[in-house]
Amino acid sequence: MPDVIVERHDRVMLMRFNRPERMNSMGGTLMPEFTAALEEGTKDDGVGAIVVTGEGRAWCAGADLEAAGQRQESGNTPQRRSQQLDTMGPGRSILAIYKSGKPMIAAVNGVAVGGGFGLCSAFDIRIASDRARFGTIFIKRALASDFGLSYFLPRMVGHERATELFYTGRIVEAEEALQLGIVSRVVPHDQLVEESLAFASQVANQPPMALAYARRMLQHSQWATIEQQLEFEWPLQRDLLAGPEFKEAVAAFREKREPNYNA
């Protein structure tokens, strides 16, 4: 069985992490399969949005510690392999999400901790099952952070709250995650995939170029000054004003019909 199952639901690509016996930890071929599927979805004009969920009781439990322990015992440690790795390490998968150009939605069905929390934090939107649980937990393994969590979490919850979560490694239940701004909504567990697909379908039928540009603007705003944001924003908006999607939107408005951006 593959470690990532890929399904198509009209214009939505649904991926399922499929290592439930290991709580969808990042072992086996999970990350290479995920990255390959993501790259395929990014290139496919028929895909308007991507949803990622997990099989079993976890979304992703981060690193596979058992496999990591076996590597350490064999002497194949990260330090010994450092010459084979670039300076970003697991950051390559985060950049694949960040630069995808497609709306990315994490349907968090259960545990998302450590690197798994970092991975889902890179998504545009997180919809949580009422069984979802989040945790940095790195400090409990004598580690600090990876998969971009130290970048994304302060931007979601603020510096002080992020610091508290990093220093304690405590678990955050779904309702608190909603209050903190880690997730956008919490839904009953058995409705998670259905609700996430319905939302993704709505997003996927928006004008693709406008979506991609809006995504880039919002990402840029995370670090830009107001002057930098205005300089970045207007050329993209001007490009859209001259493009076919805006013309279709105006025509649909005048003709009192729904616009068709994917003809």
Protein backbone atom coordinates (compact mmCIF):
# COMPACT_ATOMS: atom_id res chain seq x y z
CA MET A 1 0.00 0.00 0.00
CA PRO A 2 1.23 3.52 -0.74
CA ASP A 3 2.07 5.80 2.18
CA VAL A 4 -0.02 8.56 0.54
CA ILE A 5 -3.39 7.85 -1.10
CA VAL A 6 -4.49 10.35 -3.76
CA GLU A 7 -8.11 10.87 -4.83
CA ARG A 8 -9.76 13.35 -7.16
CA HIS A 9 -13.09 14.98 -6.31
CA ASP A 10 -13.88 17.13 -9.34
CA ARG A 11 -11.41 20.06 -9.05
CA VAL A 12 -10.16 19.06 -5.60
CA MET A 13 -7.21 16.75 -4.99
CA LEU A 14 -7.54 14.83 -1.71
CA MET A 15 -4.43 13.27 -0.19
CA ARG A 16 -4.50 10.87 2.75
CA PHE A 17 -1.41 10.07 4.80
CA ASN A 18 -1.54 6.29 5.03
CA ARG A 19 0.72 5.05 7.82
CA PRO A 20 -1.95 4.69 10.52
CA GLU A 21 0.02 1.99 12.36
CA ARG A 22 2.82 4.60 12.86
CA MET A 23 0.40 7.52 13.43
CA ASN A 24 1.32 8.82 9.96
CA SER A 25 4.81 9.66 11.16
CA MET A 26 7.35 10.79 8.58
CA GLY A 27 8.93 7.43 7.86
CA GLY A 28 8.77 5.01 4.99
CA THR A 29 8.05 6.83 1.75
CA LEU A 30 5.44 9.21 3.17
CA MET A 31 7.28 12.48 2.55
CA PRO A 32 8.62 11.65 -0.94
CA GLU A 33 5.16 10.45 -2.00
CA PHE A 34 3.53 13.54 -0.51
CA THR A 35 5.97 15.88 -2.26
CA ALA A 36 5.56 14.07 -5.60
CA ALA A 37 1.75 14.20 -5.37
CA LEU A 38 1.89 17.87 -4.40
CA GLU A 39 4.09 18.68 -7.38
CA GLU A 40 1.71 16.78 -9.67
CA GLY A 41 -1.30 18.65 -8.29
CA THR A 42 0.49 21.97 -8.61
CA LYS A 43 1.16 21.38 -12.31
CA ASP A 44 -2.38 20.15 -13.07
CA ASP A 45 -4.67 22.96 -14.28
CA GLY A 46 -7.64 20.74 -13.43
CA VAL A 47 -6.77 20.92 -9.73
CA GLY A 48 -8.16 24.02 -8.05
CA ALA A 49 -7.40 23.15 -4.42
CA ILE A 50 -5.60 20.47 -2.41
CA VAL A 51 -6.85 18.86 0.82
CA VAL A 52 -4.63 16.68 3.02
CA THR A 53 -5.90 14.46 5.81
CA GLY A 54 -4.71 11.33 7.62
CA GLU A 55 -5.85 7.75 8.04
CA GLY A 56 -6.40 6.51 11.57
CA ARG A 57 -6.13 8.61 14.72
CA ALA A 58 -3.39 10.98 13.61
CA TRP A 59 -2.88 13.61 10.94
CA CYS A 60 0.89 13.36 11.31
CA ALA A 61 2.87 12.59 14.46
CA GLY A 62 6.10 14.09 13.14
CA ALA A 63 9.33 12.14 12.93
CA ASP A 64 9.33 8.35 13.13
CA LEU A 65 11.37 8.07 16.33
CA GLU A 66 11.75 4.31 16.07
CA ALA A 67 13.34 4.64 12.63
CA ALA A 68 15.46 7.53 13.89
CA GLY A 69 16.67 5.38 16.78
CA GLN A 70 17.65 2.60 14.41
CA ARG A 71 19.64 5.06 12.28
CA GLN A 72 21.43 6.35 15.37
CA GLU A 73 22.36 2.83 16.49
CA SER A 74 23.74 2.07 13.02
CA GLY A 75 25.84 5.24 13.11
CA ASN A 76 23.90 6.84 10.24
CA THR A 77 23.10 9.97 12.24
CA PRO A 78 22.10 13.36 10.82
CA GLN A 79 25.61 14.67 11.65
CA ARG A 80 27.28 11.92 9.63
CA ARG A 81 24.90 12.48 6.75
CA SER A 82 25.15 16.29 6.86
CA GLN A 83 27.24 16.53 3.70
CA GLN A 84 24.44 14.83 1.78
CA LEU A 85 21.79 17.33 2.95
CA ASP A 86 21.21 20.95 2.07
CA THR A 87 21.01 23.59 4.78
CA MET A 88 17.20 23.50 4.86
CA GLY A 89 16.81 19.81 5.68
CA PRO A 90 13.04 19.13 5.82
CA GLY A 91 12.36 22.71 4.75
CA ARG A 92 12.21 21.58 1.13
CA SER A 93 8.76 20.05 1.68
CA ILE A 94 7.57 23.22 3.40
CA LEU A 95 8.69 25.31 0.44
CA ALA A 96 6.83 22.93 -1.89
CA ILE A 97 3.64 23.74 0.04
CA TYR A 98 4.40 27.44 0.35
CA LYS A 99 5.22 27.90 -3.35
CA SER A 100 2.52 25.56 -4.67
CA GLY A 101 0.28 28.32 -6.00
CA LYS A 102 -2.76 26.17 -5.17
CA PRO A 103 -4.92 26.69 -2.05
CA MET A 104 -3.74 24.15 0.54
CA ILE A 105 -6.19 22.92 3.21
CA ALA A 106 -5.21 20.63 6.09
CA ALA A 107 -8.14 18.51 7.28
CA VAL A 108 -6.66 17.65 10.67
CA ASN A 109 -8.31 14.43 11.79
CA GLY A 110 -6.26 13.75 14.90
CA VAL A 111 -2.79 14.25 16.35
CA ALA A 112 -0.55 16.83 14.65
CA VAL A 113 2.61 17.21 16.70
CA GLY A 114 6.27 18.09 16.24
CA GLY A 115 7.15 18.12 12.57
CA GLY A 116 3.54 17.17 11.81
CA PHE A 117 2.40 20.40 13.48
CA GLY A 118 5.01 22.27 11.46
CA LEU A 119 3.84 20.64 8.25
CA CYS A 120 0.17 21.56 8.75
CA SER A 121 1.13 25.07 9.86
CA ALA A 122 2.45 25.68 6.34
CA PHE A 123 -1.03 25.15 4.88
CA ASP A 124 -3.25 28.11 4.04
CA ILE A 125 -6.17 26.88 6.15
CA ARG A 126 -6.57 24.22 8.82
CA ILE A 127 -9.97 22.65 9.49
CA ALA A 128 -9.92 20.46 12.59
CA SER A 129 -11.88 17.45 13.72
CA ASP A 130 -13.10 17.73 17.30
CA ARG A 131 -10.54 14.97 17.99
CA ALA A 132 -7.59 16.99 16.65
CA ARG A 133 -4.68 17.76 18.97
CA PHE A 134 -1.66 19.95 18.35
CA GLY A 135 1.69 20.20 20.09
CA THR A 136 5.20 21.48 19.45
CA ILE A 137 6.61 18.68 21.72
CA PHE A 138 10.17 19.27 20.43
CA ILE A 139 11.38 20.37 23.86
CA LYS A 140 10.25 17.01 25.29
CA ARG A 141 12.68 15.32 22.87
CA ALA A 142 15.54 17.74 23.61
CA LEU A 143 14.96 19.46 20.27
CA ALA A 144 13.89 22.96 19.20
CA SER A 145 11.93 23.12 15.91
CA ASP A 146 11.80 22.10 12.28
CA PHE A 147 9.37 22.06 9.34
CA GLY A 148 8.99 25.83 9.68
CA LEU A 149 7.00 25.76 12.91
CA SER A 150 9.15 28.51 14.47
CA TYR A 151 8.21 30.70 11.48
CA PHE A 152 4.51 29.94 11.20
CA LEU A 153 3.33 29.53 14.81
CA PRO A 154 4.23 33.06 16.03
CA ARG A 155 2.37 34.45 13.02
CA MET A 156 -0.71 32.42 13.91
CA VAL A 157 -0.89 32.93 17.68
CA GLY A 158 1.53 35.77 18.47
CA HIS A 159 5.08 35.65 19.81
CA GLU A 160 4.32 35.20 23.51
CA ARG A 161 1.79 32.38 23.07
CA ALA A 162 4.09 30.64 20.60
CA THR A 163 6.93 30.93 23.10
CA GLU A 164 4.81 29.35 25.84
CA LEU A 165 3.90 26.45 23.54
CA PHE A 166 7.53 25.93 22.52
CA TYR A 167 8.84 26.11 26.08
CA THR A 168 6.30 23.65 27.50
CA GLY A 169 5.57 21.39 24.54
CA ARG A 170 2.04 21.00 25.89
CA ILE A 171 -0.82 19.57 23.85
CA VAL A 172 -3.52 21.91 22.54
CA GLU A 173 -6.98 20.41 22.07
CA ALA A 174 -9.15 21.35 19.09
CA GLU A 175 -11.31 23.99 20.81
CA GLU A 176 -8.30 25.80 22.26
CA ALA A 177 -6.63 25.63 18.84
CA LEU A 178 -9.67 27.44 17.45
CA GLN A 179 -9.47 30.10 20.16
CA LEU A 180 -5.74 30.60 19.56
CA GLY A 181 -6.16 30.91 15.78
CA ILE A 182 -4.32 27.71 14.89
CA VAL A 183 -7.39 26.43 13.03
CA SER A 184 -10.21 28.25 11.26
CA ARG A 185 -13.00 25.91 12.37
CA VAL A 186 -13.73 22.73 14.33
CA VAL A 187 -16.22 20.19 12.98
CA PRO A 188 -17.51 16.81 14.19
CA HIS A 189 -14.97 14.09 13.46
CA ASP A 190 -17.20 12.09 11.11
CA GLN A 191 -17.93 15.21 9.04
CA LEU A 192 -14.34 16.42 8.66
CA VAL A 193 -13.55 15.18 5.15
CA GLU A 194 -17.01 16.06 3.82
CA GLU A 195 -16.83 19.60 5.26
CA SER A 196 -13.25 20.09 4.05
CA LEU A 197 -14.05 18.90 0.53
CA ALA A 198 -17.12 21.16 0.38
CA PHE A 199 -15.03 24.16 1.41
CA ALA A 200 -12.21 23.22 -0.97
CA SER A 201 -14.68 22.81 -3.84
CA GLN A 202 -16.00 26.31 -3.21
CA VAL A 203 -12.46 27.67 -3.27
CA ALA A 204 -11.44 25.58 -6.31
CA ASN A 205 -14.13 27.20 -8.44
CA GLN A 206 -12.86 30.72 -7.83
CA PRO A 207 -10.74 32.35 -10.58
CA PRO A 208 -7.40 30.46 -10.47
CA MET A 209 -5.06 33.34 -11.27
CA ALA A 210 -6.76 35.66 -8.80
CA LEU A 211 -6.51 32.95 -6.13
CA ALA A 212 -2.81 32.42 -6.83
CA TYR A 213 -2.13 36.16 -6.71
CA ALA A 214 -4.13 36.60 -3.49
CA ARG A 215 -2.12 33.76 -1.95
CA ARG A 216 1.15 35.43 -2.95
CA MET A 217 0.00 38.80 -1.57
CA LEU A 218 -0.95 37.30 1.79
CA GLN A 219 2.34 35.43 2.04
CA HIS A 220 4.30 38.58 1.18
CA SER A 221 2.40 40.55 3.83
CA GLN A 222 3.82 38.31 6.58
CA TRP A 223 7.11 40.19 6.54
CA ALA A 224 6.63 43.31 4.37
CA THR A 225 6.27 46.91 5.48
CA ILE A 226 3.17 48.75 4.27
CA GLU A 227 5.28 50.46 1.58
CA GLN A 228 6.67 47.14 0.39
CA GLN A 229 3.22 45.56 0.39
CA LEU A 230 1.70 48.35 -1.68
CA GLU A 231 4.55 48.09 -4.20
CA PHE A 232 4.08 44.31 -4.38
CA GLU A 233 0.28 44.36 -4.49
CA TRP A 234 -0.49 46.83 -7.25
CA PRO A 235 1.42 45.21 -10.19
CA LEU A 236 -0.35 41.92 -9.49
CA GLN A 237 -3.73 43.61 -9.29
CA ARG A 238 -2.99 45.54 -12.49
CA ASP A 239 -2.12 42.26 -14.21
CA LEU A 240 -5.47 40.80 -13.13
CA LEU A 241 -7.38 43.87 -14.31
CA ALA A 242 -5.98 43.29 -17.81
CA GLY A 243 -6.55 39.55 -17.73
CA PRO A 244 -9.28 37.18 -18.94
CA GLU A 245 -10.66 36.34 -15.49
CA PHE A 246 -11.63 39.94 -14.76
CA LYS A 247 -13.24 40.23 -18.19
CA GLU A 248 -15.27 37.08 -17.51
CA ALA A 249 -16.30 38.36 -14.06
CA VAL A 250 -17.54 41.64 -15.56
CA ALA A 251 -19.35 39.85 -18.41
CA ALA A 252 -21.05 37.46 -15.98
CA PHE A 253 -22.14 40.40 -13.81
CA ARG A 254 -23.65 42.22 -16.81
CA GLU A 255 -25.34 39.08 -18.13
CA LYS A 256 -26.63 38.10 -14.68
CA ARG A 257 -25.04 34.63 -14.76
CA GLU A 258 -22.42 32.69 -12.85
CA PRO A 259 -18.88 33.24 -14.17
CA ASN A 260 -17.02 30.31 -15.73
CA TYR A 261 -13.29 30.53 -15.07
CA ASN A 262 -12.41 26.97 -16.06
CA ALA A 263 -13.85 26.67 -19.56
